[in-house]
N, C-alpha and C. Protein backbone atom coordinates (compact mmCIF):
# COMPACT_ATOMS: atom_id res chain seq x y z
N MET A 1 6.50 -11.97 36.07
CA MET A 1 5.67 -13.02 35.49
C MET A 1 4.37 -12.42 35.03
N ARG A 2 3.74 -11.55 35.88
CA ARG A 2 2.48 -10.93 35.49
C ARG A 2 2.71 -10.08 34.23
N THR A 3 3.78 -9.38 34.17
CA THR A 3 4.07 -8.52 33.03
C THR A 3 4.11 -9.32 31.80
N LEU A 4 4.89 -10.46 31.85
CA LEU A 4 5.00 -11.39 30.73
C LEU A 4 3.66 -11.96 30.27
N LEU A 5 2.79 -12.35 31.22
CA LEU A 5 1.46 -12.82 30.89
C LEU A 5 0.59 -11.75 30.28
N PHE A 6 0.66 -10.58 30.84
CA PHE A 6 -0.05 -9.46 30.31
C PHE A 6 0.33 -9.15 28.86
N CYS A 7 1.67 -9.14 28.60
CA CYS A 7 2.14 -8.81 27.22
C CYS A 7 1.65 -9.99 26.24
N LEU A 8 1.72 -11.17 26.70
CA LEU A 8 1.27 -12.29 25.89
C LEU A 8 -0.21 -12.17 25.63
N PHE A 9 -0.99 -11.83 26.61
CA PHE A 9 -2.44 -11.61 26.38
C PHE A 9 -2.73 -10.54 25.41
N VAL A 10 -1.99 -9.40 25.53
CA VAL A 10 -2.15 -8.27 24.59
C VAL A 10 -1.84 -8.74 23.16
N PHE A 11 -0.76 -9.40 23.04
CA PHE A 11 -0.30 -9.91 21.71
C PHE A 11 -1.33 -10.83 21.10
N LEU A 12 -1.80 -11.81 21.86
CA LEU A 12 -2.80 -12.72 21.35
C LEU A 12 -4.06 -12.05 20.98
N SER A 13 -4.53 -11.08 21.81
CA SER A 13 -5.70 -10.35 21.47
C SER A 13 -5.60 -9.59 20.18
N PHE A 14 -4.42 -8.98 20.00
CA PHE A 14 -4.14 -8.24 18.72
C PHE A 14 -4.16 -9.21 17.56
N PHE A 15 -3.47 -10.33 17.73
CA PHE A 15 -3.37 -11.36 16.63
C PHE A 15 -4.75 -11.91 16.25
N ILE A 16 -5.53 -12.23 17.24
CA ILE A 16 -6.90 -12.81 16.96
C ILE A 16 -7.76 -11.73 16.25
N ASN A 17 -7.71 -10.48 16.69
CA ASN A 17 -8.51 -9.46 16.11
C ASN A 17 -8.08 -9.19 14.64
N THR A 18 -6.76 -9.13 14.45
CA THR A 18 -6.24 -8.90 13.10
C THR A 18 -6.62 -10.01 12.10
N THR A 19 -6.54 -11.29 12.54
CA THR A 19 -6.87 -12.41 11.66
C THR A 19 -8.41 -12.40 11.44
N SER A 20 -9.19 -12.03 12.41
CA SER A 20 -10.63 -11.98 12.16
C SER A 20 -11.05 -10.90 11.24
N TYR A 21 -10.29 -9.72 11.31
CA TYR A 21 -10.54 -8.63 10.36
C TYR A 21 -10.18 -9.11 8.89
N ALA A 22 -9.08 -9.79 8.77
CA ALA A 22 -8.69 -10.27 7.46
C ALA A 22 -9.73 -11.20 6.88
N LYS A 23 -10.25 -12.13 7.79
CA LYS A 23 -11.25 -13.03 7.35
C LYS A 23 -12.52 -12.32 6.88
N ASN A 24 -12.94 -11.32 7.69
CA ASN A 24 -14.09 -10.52 7.34
C ASN A 24 -13.94 -9.91 5.99
N CYS A 25 -12.79 -9.38 5.68
CA CYS A 25 -12.62 -8.70 4.41
C CYS A 25 -12.81 -9.71 3.24
N THR A 26 -12.41 -10.95 3.37
CA THR A 26 -12.66 -11.88 2.30
C THR A 26 -14.03 -12.44 2.36
N ASP A 27 -14.81 -12.27 3.43
CA ASP A 27 -16.17 -12.74 3.48
C ASP A 27 -17.21 -11.70 3.13
N GLY A 28 -16.77 -10.60 2.47
CA GLY A 28 -17.74 -9.60 2.11
C GLY A 28 -18.15 -8.71 3.25
N LYS A 29 -17.24 -8.55 4.25
CA LYS A 29 -17.50 -7.72 5.37
C LYS A 29 -16.42 -6.67 5.45
N ASP A 30 -16.73 -5.53 6.06
CA ASP A 30 -15.72 -4.50 6.22
C ASP A 30 -14.87 -4.85 7.48
N PHE A 31 -13.90 -3.99 7.83
CA PHE A 31 -13.05 -4.30 8.98
C PHE A 31 -13.75 -4.24 10.33
N LYS A 32 -14.98 -3.74 10.34
CA LYS A 32 -15.73 -3.81 11.62
C LYS A 32 -16.65 -5.06 11.66
N GLY A 33 -16.53 -5.89 10.68
CA GLY A 33 -17.33 -7.09 10.65
C GLY A 33 -18.71 -6.82 10.05
N LYS A 34 -19.03 -5.67 9.57
CA LYS A 34 -20.35 -5.37 8.98
C LYS A 34 -20.41 -5.85 7.54
N GLU A 35 -21.55 -6.33 7.14
CA GLU A 35 -21.71 -6.68 5.75
C GLU A 35 -21.44 -5.55 4.83
N ILE A 36 -20.91 -5.84 3.66
CA ILE A 36 -20.66 -4.77 2.69
C ILE A 36 -22.10 -4.38 2.20
N THR A 37 -22.36 -3.10 2.27
CA THR A 37 -23.71 -2.56 2.00
C THR A 37 -23.87 -2.29 0.53
N ALA A 38 -25.09 -1.93 0.15
CA ALA A 38 -25.37 -1.53 -1.23
C ALA A 38 -24.48 -0.30 -1.58
N GLN A 39 -24.26 0.57 -0.61
CA GLN A 39 -23.43 1.72 -0.90
C GLN A 39 -21.99 1.36 -1.28
N SER A 40 -21.41 0.43 -0.45
CA SER A 40 -20.02 -0.01 -0.79
C SER A 40 -20.00 -0.86 -2.06
N SER A 41 -21.07 -1.56 -2.31
CA SER A 41 -21.18 -2.32 -3.58
C SER A 41 -21.25 -1.33 -4.72
N SER A 42 -21.97 -0.23 -4.47
CA SER A 42 -22.01 0.85 -5.51
C SER A 42 -20.61 1.42 -5.73
N ASN A 43 -19.78 1.59 -4.72
CA ASN A 43 -18.45 2.11 -4.83
C ASN A 43 -17.59 1.18 -5.63
N LEU A 44 -17.74 -0.16 -5.47
CA LEU A 44 -16.98 -1.05 -6.31
C LEU A 44 -17.47 -1.00 -7.73
N SER A 45 -18.76 -0.87 -7.94
CA SER A 45 -19.29 -0.80 -9.30
C SER A 45 -18.83 0.42 -10.07
N LYS A 46 -18.45 1.51 -9.36
CA LYS A 46 -18.03 2.71 -10.05
C LYS A 46 -16.84 2.47 -10.94
N GLY A 47 -15.87 1.72 -10.47
CA GLY A 47 -14.64 1.39 -11.29
C GLY A 47 -14.99 0.62 -12.50
N LEU A 48 -15.90 -0.36 -12.37
CA LEU A 48 -16.29 -1.19 -13.46
C LEU A 48 -17.12 -0.36 -14.47
N ILE A 49 -17.97 0.45 -13.95
CA ILE A 49 -18.75 1.39 -14.83
C ILE A 49 -17.82 2.26 -15.61
N SER A 50 -16.87 2.78 -14.97
CA SER A 50 -15.91 3.73 -15.63
C SER A 50 -15.16 2.97 -16.71
N ALA A 51 -14.78 1.69 -16.49
CA ALA A 51 -14.10 0.94 -17.49
C ALA A 51 -15.01 0.63 -18.70
N MET A 52 -16.29 0.65 -18.48
CA MET A 52 -17.27 0.40 -19.55
C MET A 52 -17.72 1.71 -20.29
N THR A 53 -17.44 2.84 -19.69
CA THR A 53 -17.92 4.15 -20.18
C THR A 53 -17.10 4.57 -21.38
N TYR A 54 -17.80 5.00 -22.46
CA TYR A 54 -17.20 5.44 -23.67
C TYR A 54 -17.06 6.96 -23.72
N ASP A 55 -15.85 7.39 -24.13
CA ASP A 55 -15.55 8.84 -24.33
C ASP A 55 -15.55 9.10 -25.83
N ALA A 56 -16.52 9.77 -26.26
CA ALA A 56 -16.68 10.08 -27.73
C ALA A 56 -15.50 10.89 -28.27
N LYS A 57 -14.86 11.77 -27.43
CA LYS A 57 -13.79 12.60 -27.88
C LYS A 57 -12.53 11.78 -28.21
N THR A 58 -12.20 10.86 -27.30
CA THR A 58 -11.03 10.06 -27.46
C THR A 58 -11.31 8.68 -28.16
N GLU A 59 -12.60 8.38 -28.24
CA GLU A 59 -13.02 7.13 -28.78
C GLU A 59 -12.41 5.93 -28.01
N LEU A 60 -12.23 6.07 -26.73
CA LEU A 60 -11.75 5.04 -25.88
C LEU A 60 -12.60 4.89 -24.64
N ARG A 61 -12.46 3.81 -23.90
CA ARG A 61 -13.12 3.66 -22.64
C ARG A 61 -12.42 4.53 -21.60
N VAL A 62 -13.19 5.10 -20.70
CA VAL A 62 -12.67 6.02 -19.71
C VAL A 62 -11.79 5.41 -18.69
N GLY A 63 -12.23 4.35 -18.04
CA GLY A 63 -11.53 3.76 -16.95
C GLY A 63 -10.65 2.64 -17.29
N ASP A 64 -10.01 2.06 -16.26
CA ASP A 64 -9.04 1.03 -16.39
C ASP A 64 -9.71 -0.30 -15.86
N SER A 65 -9.91 -1.23 -16.73
CA SER A 65 -10.60 -2.50 -16.38
C SER A 65 -9.72 -3.25 -15.34
N GLY A 66 -8.43 -3.18 -15.46
CA GLY A 66 -7.48 -3.86 -14.52
C GLY A 66 -7.73 -3.37 -13.17
N LYS A 67 -7.77 -2.07 -12.98
CA LYS A 67 -7.98 -1.48 -11.64
C LYS A 67 -9.35 -1.89 -11.07
N ALA A 68 -10.41 -1.83 -11.91
CA ALA A 68 -11.72 -2.18 -11.48
C ALA A 68 -11.78 -3.61 -11.03
N ILE A 69 -11.17 -4.49 -11.76
CA ILE A 69 -11.09 -5.92 -11.42
C ILE A 69 -10.31 -6.10 -10.08
N GLN A 70 -9.19 -5.40 -9.99
CA GLN A 70 -8.37 -5.54 -8.78
C GLN A 70 -9.21 -5.08 -7.50
N ALA A 71 -10.04 -4.12 -7.67
CA ALA A 71 -10.89 -3.68 -6.53
C ALA A 71 -11.80 -4.83 -6.03
N TYR A 72 -12.40 -5.56 -7.04
CA TYR A 72 -13.22 -6.71 -6.66
C TYR A 72 -12.35 -7.84 -6.05
N ILE A 73 -11.14 -7.97 -6.53
CA ILE A 73 -10.29 -8.98 -5.90
C ILE A 73 -9.93 -8.64 -4.51
N ASP A 74 -9.62 -7.36 -4.25
CA ASP A 74 -9.23 -6.85 -2.95
C ASP A 74 -10.36 -7.01 -1.92
N LYS A 75 -11.59 -6.97 -2.35
CA LYS A 75 -12.77 -7.14 -1.43
C LYS A 75 -13.19 -8.64 -1.38
N GLY A 76 -12.51 -9.53 -2.12
CA GLY A 76 -12.86 -10.96 -2.07
C GLY A 76 -13.96 -11.44 -2.94
N PHE A 77 -14.35 -10.53 -3.87
CA PHE A 77 -15.45 -10.95 -4.79
C PHE A 77 -14.96 -11.70 -6.02
N LEU A 78 -13.68 -11.53 -6.34
CA LEU A 78 -13.09 -12.31 -7.41
C LEU A 78 -11.81 -13.00 -6.86
N PRO A 79 -11.53 -14.16 -7.46
CA PRO A 79 -10.30 -14.87 -7.09
C PRO A 79 -9.05 -14.10 -7.58
N GLN A 80 -7.90 -14.50 -7.18
CA GLN A 80 -6.65 -13.80 -7.61
C GLN A 80 -6.38 -13.97 -9.12
N LYS A 81 -6.88 -14.99 -9.68
CA LYS A 81 -6.68 -15.26 -11.12
C LYS A 81 -8.03 -15.49 -11.79
N PRO A 82 -8.14 -15.21 -13.09
CA PRO A 82 -9.40 -15.51 -13.79
C PRO A 82 -9.65 -16.99 -13.80
N LYS A 83 -10.97 -17.32 -13.94
CA LYS A 83 -11.37 -18.70 -14.04
C LYS A 83 -10.72 -19.41 -15.25
N LEU A 84 -10.60 -18.66 -16.37
CA LEU A 84 -9.95 -19.12 -17.57
C LEU A 84 -9.64 -17.97 -18.45
N ARG A 85 -8.75 -18.20 -19.41
CA ARG A 85 -8.38 -17.29 -20.44
C ARG A 85 -8.56 -18.00 -21.73
N ALA A 86 -9.34 -17.48 -22.66
CA ALA A 86 -9.55 -18.07 -23.94
C ALA A 86 -9.37 -16.95 -25.02
N ASP A 87 -8.54 -17.24 -26.04
CA ASP A 87 -8.11 -16.28 -27.00
C ASP A 87 -7.48 -15.07 -26.19
N TYR A 88 -8.21 -13.91 -26.30
CA TYR A 88 -7.67 -12.73 -25.58
C TYR A 88 -8.46 -12.31 -24.39
N VAL A 89 -9.38 -13.20 -23.94
CA VAL A 89 -10.33 -12.82 -22.91
C VAL A 89 -10.02 -13.54 -21.60
N ASP A 90 -9.97 -12.77 -20.50
CA ASP A 90 -9.95 -13.31 -19.14
C ASP A 90 -11.48 -13.41 -18.71
N TYR A 91 -11.87 -14.54 -18.15
CA TYR A 91 -13.19 -14.72 -17.63
C TYR A 91 -13.10 -14.78 -16.15
N TRP A 92 -13.63 -13.75 -15.44
CA TRP A 92 -13.62 -13.66 -13.99
C TRP A 92 -15.06 -14.05 -13.44
N VAL A 93 -15.15 -15.17 -12.78
CA VAL A 93 -16.40 -15.65 -12.13
C VAL A 93 -16.40 -15.18 -10.67
N LEU A 94 -17.56 -14.54 -10.30
CA LEU A 94 -17.64 -13.98 -8.94
C LEU A 94 -17.59 -15.08 -7.90
N ASN A 95 -16.94 -14.87 -6.75
CA ASN A 95 -16.86 -15.84 -5.67
C ASN A 95 -18.14 -15.83 -4.81
N LYS A 96 -18.77 -14.60 -4.77
CA LYS A 96 -19.96 -14.45 -3.98
C LYS A 96 -20.83 -13.31 -4.65
N PRO A 97 -22.07 -13.29 -4.32
CA PRO A 97 -22.99 -12.33 -4.96
C PRO A 97 -22.67 -10.86 -4.62
N ILE A 98 -22.82 -10.05 -5.57
CA ILE A 98 -22.74 -8.56 -5.37
C ILE A 98 -23.62 -7.97 -6.45
N ASP A 99 -24.12 -6.81 -6.05
CA ASP A 99 -25.08 -6.05 -6.93
C ASP A 99 -24.29 -5.23 -7.89
N PHE A 100 -24.83 -5.17 -9.14
CA PHE A 100 -24.38 -4.28 -10.18
C PHE A 100 -25.54 -3.64 -10.90
N MET A 101 -25.76 -2.38 -10.64
CA MET A 101 -26.90 -1.62 -11.28
C MET A 101 -28.25 -2.37 -10.97
N GLY A 102 -28.40 -2.92 -9.80
CA GLY A 102 -29.64 -3.54 -9.41
C GLY A 102 -29.73 -5.02 -9.76
N HIS A 103 -28.70 -5.60 -10.31
CA HIS A 103 -28.72 -6.99 -10.74
C HIS A 103 -27.64 -7.74 -10.12
N LYS A 104 -27.69 -9.09 -10.07
CA LYS A 104 -26.65 -9.96 -9.50
C LYS A 104 -25.53 -10.16 -10.53
N LEU A 105 -24.33 -9.58 -10.25
CA LEU A 105 -23.17 -9.77 -11.08
C LEU A 105 -22.66 -11.20 -11.00
N LEU A 106 -22.48 -11.80 -12.17
CA LEU A 106 -21.99 -13.20 -12.24
C LEU A 106 -20.59 -13.34 -12.84
N LEU A 107 -20.33 -12.53 -13.86
CA LEU A 107 -19.11 -12.74 -14.64
C LEU A 107 -18.63 -11.39 -15.16
N ILE A 108 -17.32 -11.18 -15.15
CA ILE A 108 -16.62 -10.06 -15.81
C ILE A 108 -15.67 -10.64 -16.79
N GLU A 109 -15.73 -10.06 -18.01
CA GLU A 109 -14.85 -10.40 -19.06
C GLU A 109 -13.90 -9.29 -19.38
N ASP A 110 -12.60 -9.57 -19.46
CA ASP A 110 -11.60 -8.52 -19.74
C ASP A 110 -10.80 -8.98 -20.94
N GLU A 111 -10.98 -8.18 -22.07
CA GLU A 111 -10.26 -8.61 -23.32
C GLU A 111 -9.13 -7.64 -23.61
N TYR A 112 -7.96 -8.26 -23.76
CA TYR A 112 -6.78 -7.46 -24.03
C TYR A 112 -5.76 -8.36 -24.65
N MET A 113 -4.74 -7.86 -25.30
CA MET A 113 -3.70 -8.70 -25.91
C MET A 113 -2.55 -8.89 -24.94
N ASP A 114 -2.30 -10.09 -24.51
CA ASP A 114 -1.23 -10.51 -23.69
C ASP A 114 -0.07 -10.93 -24.56
N GLN A 115 -0.42 -11.82 -25.48
CA GLN A 115 0.53 -12.19 -26.51
C GLN A 115 -0.29 -12.49 -27.79
N TYR A 116 0.27 -12.40 -28.92
CA TYR A 116 -0.48 -12.60 -30.17
C TYR A 116 -0.87 -14.02 -30.33
N VAL A 117 -2.17 -14.26 -30.52
CA VAL A 117 -2.60 -15.66 -30.75
C VAL A 117 -3.42 -15.75 -32.03
N GLY A 118 -3.41 -14.68 -32.84
CA GLY A 118 -4.09 -14.65 -34.12
C GLY A 118 -5.07 -13.49 -34.11
N CYS A 119 -5.71 -13.27 -35.21
CA CYS A 119 -6.56 -12.12 -35.35
C CYS A 119 -7.81 -12.34 -34.51
N CYS A 120 -8.44 -11.56 -33.92
CA CYS A 120 -8.18 -10.12 -33.75
C CYS A 120 -8.63 -9.78 -32.29
N VAL A 121 -7.85 -8.94 -31.60
CA VAL A 121 -8.23 -8.56 -30.29
C VAL A 121 -9.20 -7.37 -30.37
N ASN A 122 -10.18 -7.43 -29.48
CA ASN A 122 -11.16 -6.35 -29.44
C ASN A 122 -11.24 -5.91 -27.95
N THR A 123 -10.29 -5.07 -27.61
CA THR A 123 -10.10 -4.71 -26.18
C THR A 123 -11.32 -4.15 -25.58
N GLY A 124 -11.47 -4.39 -24.28
CA GLY A 124 -12.61 -3.83 -23.55
C GLY A 124 -13.06 -4.83 -22.44
N VAL A 125 -14.22 -4.53 -21.91
CA VAL A 125 -14.72 -5.24 -20.77
C VAL A 125 -16.22 -5.60 -21.01
N GLY A 126 -16.62 -6.68 -20.45
CA GLY A 126 -18.05 -7.14 -20.50
C GLY A 126 -18.47 -7.65 -19.13
N ILE A 127 -19.76 -7.62 -18.93
CA ILE A 127 -20.29 -8.24 -17.68
C ILE A 127 -21.53 -9.12 -18.09
N SER A 128 -21.78 -10.08 -17.20
CA SER A 128 -22.99 -10.86 -17.27
C SER A 128 -23.69 -10.74 -15.92
N VAL A 129 -24.96 -10.51 -15.93
CA VAL A 129 -25.76 -10.40 -14.72
C VAL A 129 -26.99 -11.28 -14.78
N GLU A 130 -27.50 -11.65 -13.60
CA GLU A 130 -28.79 -12.28 -13.45
C GLU A 130 -29.75 -11.13 -13.20
N ILE A 131 -30.83 -11.08 -13.98
CA ILE A 131 -31.80 -9.96 -13.85
C ILE A 131 -32.57 -10.03 -12.56
N LYS A 132 -32.50 -8.90 -11.80
CA LYS A 132 -33.26 -8.83 -10.54
C LYS A 132 -34.26 -7.64 -10.50
N THR A 133 -34.10 -6.68 -11.33
CA THR A 133 -34.98 -5.51 -11.38
C THR A 133 -35.19 -5.11 -12.88
N ALA A 134 -35.89 -4.05 -13.08
CA ALA A 134 -36.12 -3.56 -14.45
C ALA A 134 -34.78 -3.30 -15.11
N LEU A 135 -34.77 -3.45 -16.43
CA LEU A 135 -33.50 -3.34 -17.17
C LEU A 135 -33.29 -1.92 -17.74
N THR A 136 -34.18 -1.03 -17.44
CA THR A 136 -34.12 0.32 -17.96
C THR A 136 -32.77 0.98 -17.80
N LYS A 137 -32.25 0.98 -16.55
CA LYS A 137 -31.00 1.69 -16.29
C LYS A 137 -29.83 1.01 -17.01
N LEU A 138 -29.74 -0.29 -17.05
CA LEU A 138 -28.67 -1.02 -17.60
C LEU A 138 -28.73 -0.88 -19.15
N LYS A 139 -29.93 -0.93 -19.66
CA LYS A 139 -30.07 -0.82 -21.15
C LYS A 139 -29.74 0.61 -21.59
N LYS A 140 -30.09 1.61 -20.84
CA LYS A 140 -29.76 2.98 -21.13
C LYS A 140 -28.24 3.16 -21.10
N PHE A 141 -27.59 2.64 -20.09
CA PHE A 141 -26.15 2.71 -19.89
C PHE A 141 -25.45 2.11 -21.11
N ALA A 142 -25.92 0.90 -21.52
CA ALA A 142 -25.32 0.19 -22.66
C ALA A 142 -25.48 0.99 -23.95
N LYS A 143 -26.60 1.58 -24.19
CA LYS A 143 -26.84 2.39 -25.37
C LYS A 143 -25.93 3.65 -25.38
N GLU A 144 -25.89 4.38 -24.29
CA GLU A 144 -25.19 5.62 -24.16
C GLU A 144 -23.63 5.38 -24.34
N ASN A 145 -23.19 4.17 -24.01
CA ASN A 145 -21.73 3.89 -23.98
C ASN A 145 -21.38 2.97 -25.13
N LYS A 146 -22.22 2.81 -26.08
CA LYS A 146 -21.89 2.01 -27.31
C LYS A 146 -21.50 0.54 -26.94
N CYS A 147 -22.25 -0.02 -26.03
CA CYS A 147 -22.00 -1.44 -25.61
C CYS A 147 -23.13 -2.30 -26.21
N SER A 148 -22.79 -3.55 -26.48
CA SER A 148 -23.85 -4.46 -26.89
C SER A 148 -24.65 -4.85 -25.65
N PHE A 149 -25.92 -5.24 -25.90
CA PHE A 149 -26.79 -5.58 -24.77
C PHE A 149 -27.65 -6.78 -25.24
N LYS A 150 -27.54 -7.85 -24.58
CA LYS A 150 -28.19 -9.07 -25.00
C LYS A 150 -28.86 -9.75 -23.82
N VAL A 151 -30.20 -10.08 -23.93
CA VAL A 151 -30.97 -10.76 -22.89
C VAL A 151 -31.00 -12.28 -23.34
N TYR A 152 -30.86 -13.11 -22.30
CA TYR A 152 -30.87 -14.57 -22.53
C TYR A 152 -31.76 -15.24 -21.55
N ASN A 153 -32.33 -16.37 -21.90
CA ASN A 153 -32.94 -17.27 -20.90
C ASN A 153 -31.77 -18.17 -20.35
N GLN A 154 -32.06 -19.00 -19.40
CA GLN A 154 -31.05 -19.78 -18.79
C GLN A 154 -30.24 -20.66 -19.82
N ALA A 155 -30.97 -21.39 -20.65
CA ALA A 155 -30.20 -22.25 -21.63
C ALA A 155 -29.42 -21.43 -22.60
N GLU A 156 -29.89 -20.35 -23.12
CA GLU A 156 -29.19 -19.51 -24.07
C GLU A 156 -27.94 -18.90 -23.38
N PHE A 157 -28.11 -18.46 -22.19
CA PHE A 157 -27.02 -17.86 -21.41
C PHE A 157 -25.85 -18.84 -21.28
N ASN A 158 -26.22 -20.04 -20.83
CA ASN A 158 -25.11 -21.06 -20.66
C ASN A 158 -24.52 -21.44 -21.98
N GLU A 159 -25.28 -21.52 -23.03
CA GLU A 159 -24.74 -21.79 -24.35
C GLU A 159 -23.82 -20.69 -24.88
N SER A 160 -24.19 -19.46 -24.52
CA SER A 160 -23.38 -18.34 -24.99
C SER A 160 -21.97 -18.33 -24.37
N LEU A 161 -21.84 -19.00 -23.26
CA LEU A 161 -20.53 -19.09 -22.59
C LEU A 161 -19.86 -20.40 -23.01
N TRP A 162 -19.63 -20.60 -24.24
CA TRP A 162 -19.12 -21.80 -24.80
C TRP A 162 -17.77 -22.19 -24.35
N VAL A 163 -17.06 -21.25 -23.77
CA VAL A 163 -15.66 -21.51 -23.25
C VAL A 163 -15.71 -22.32 -21.95
N PHE A 164 -16.85 -22.34 -21.26
CA PHE A 164 -17.00 -23.06 -20.02
C PHE A 164 -17.50 -24.43 -20.40
N ASN A 165 -17.09 -25.50 -19.62
CA ASN A 165 -17.63 -26.80 -19.87
C ASN A 165 -19.00 -26.98 -19.18
N ALA A 166 -19.58 -28.09 -19.41
CA ALA A 166 -20.99 -28.27 -18.96
C ALA A 166 -21.08 -28.20 -17.43
N ALA A 167 -20.04 -28.56 -16.74
CA ALA A 167 -20.09 -28.53 -15.23
C ALA A 167 -19.98 -27.12 -14.70
N ASP A 168 -19.55 -26.17 -15.53
CA ASP A 168 -19.24 -24.80 -15.08
C ASP A 168 -20.37 -23.80 -15.47
N LYS A 169 -21.58 -24.28 -15.68
CA LYS A 169 -22.63 -23.38 -16.09
C LYS A 169 -22.90 -22.29 -15.05
N LEU A 170 -22.99 -21.03 -15.51
CA LEU A 170 -23.23 -19.97 -14.56
C LEU A 170 -24.69 -19.68 -14.31
N GLY A 171 -25.48 -19.95 -15.35
CA GLY A 171 -26.96 -19.73 -15.22
C GLY A 171 -27.49 -20.94 -14.53
N LYS A 172 -27.64 -20.88 -13.22
CA LYS A 172 -28.15 -22.03 -12.39
C LYS A 172 -29.59 -21.96 -12.13
N GLN A 173 -30.14 -20.74 -12.25
CA GLN A 173 -31.60 -20.55 -11.96
C GLN A 173 -32.34 -20.36 -13.26
N LYS A 174 -33.60 -20.74 -13.22
CA LYS A 174 -34.46 -20.47 -14.44
C LYS A 174 -34.88 -19.01 -14.40
N GLU A 175 -33.86 -18.20 -14.65
CA GLU A 175 -34.03 -16.74 -14.65
C GLU A 175 -33.64 -16.24 -16.03
N LYS A 176 -33.70 -14.89 -16.15
CA LYS A 176 -33.18 -14.21 -17.39
C LYS A 176 -31.82 -13.60 -16.97
N TYR A 177 -31.02 -13.52 -17.99
CA TYR A 177 -29.65 -13.05 -17.82
C TYR A 177 -29.40 -11.98 -18.86
N VAL A 178 -28.46 -11.08 -18.64
CA VAL A 178 -28.11 -10.05 -19.56
C VAL A 178 -26.54 -10.00 -19.60
N THR A 179 -26.04 -9.88 -20.85
CA THR A 179 -24.65 -9.60 -21.13
C THR A 179 -24.55 -8.22 -21.72
N VAL A 180 -23.65 -7.42 -21.15
CA VAL A 180 -23.32 -6.09 -21.70
C VAL A 180 -21.82 -6.12 -22.01
N SER A 181 -21.54 -5.91 -23.28
CA SER A 181 -20.15 -5.96 -23.75
C SER A 181 -19.77 -4.58 -24.27
N CYS A 182 -18.67 -4.05 -23.63
CA CYS A 182 -18.17 -2.76 -23.99
C CYS A 182 -16.75 -2.83 -24.54
N ARG A 183 -16.63 -3.29 -25.75
CA ARG A 183 -15.34 -3.48 -26.38
C ARG A 183 -15.01 -2.28 -27.24
N TYR A 184 -13.82 -2.36 -27.85
CA TYR A 184 -13.35 -1.23 -28.65
C TYR A 184 -14.21 -1.07 -29.89
N THR A 185 -14.53 -2.18 -30.60
CA THR A 185 -15.36 -2.16 -31.76
C THR A 185 -16.77 -1.73 -31.27
N LEU A 186 -17.23 -0.62 -31.86
CA LEU A 186 -18.49 -0.10 -31.46
C LEU A 186 -19.70 -0.83 -32.04
N TYR A 187 -20.63 -1.07 -31.20
CA TYR A 187 -21.81 -1.83 -31.68
C TYR A 187 -22.96 -0.89 -32.13
């Protein structure tokens, strides 16, 4: 009887620990229950930065936006499916805040052809952030990688996201926002 109770206790302990680890993973915590740090945020950003980086020799983006987005999904920062798809663009709205080059990442756009819906697909990835620090690094990155760079106030930002309805406004604070778009067509 003691052996059976002991085995049951060990099993339940293992089960409880495993489920709490899984919950931590979706709550922005690592498997030890520690908050995901700026360093691990930086590691997530690397894939997205790679997908936005332009290679002048091949005239293509270096990284894979799908893999970058999947990394955010795996850490619980993005849902399993995009918020919506309009024309050729998937719009991924962040579940919880995470840093991207010193700013609060709000939205990832991934443009690709799934099926033909008319002219014209402009493959690539874009991001929208709420400004938290100086824009020097982000602006330099956009210029070096042939990405568009646009600063918005709250009203302009929400208006620019015409695909979302009035209830889904991302710009909730009276802040400044930036959209960086790294598509195939060079800006």
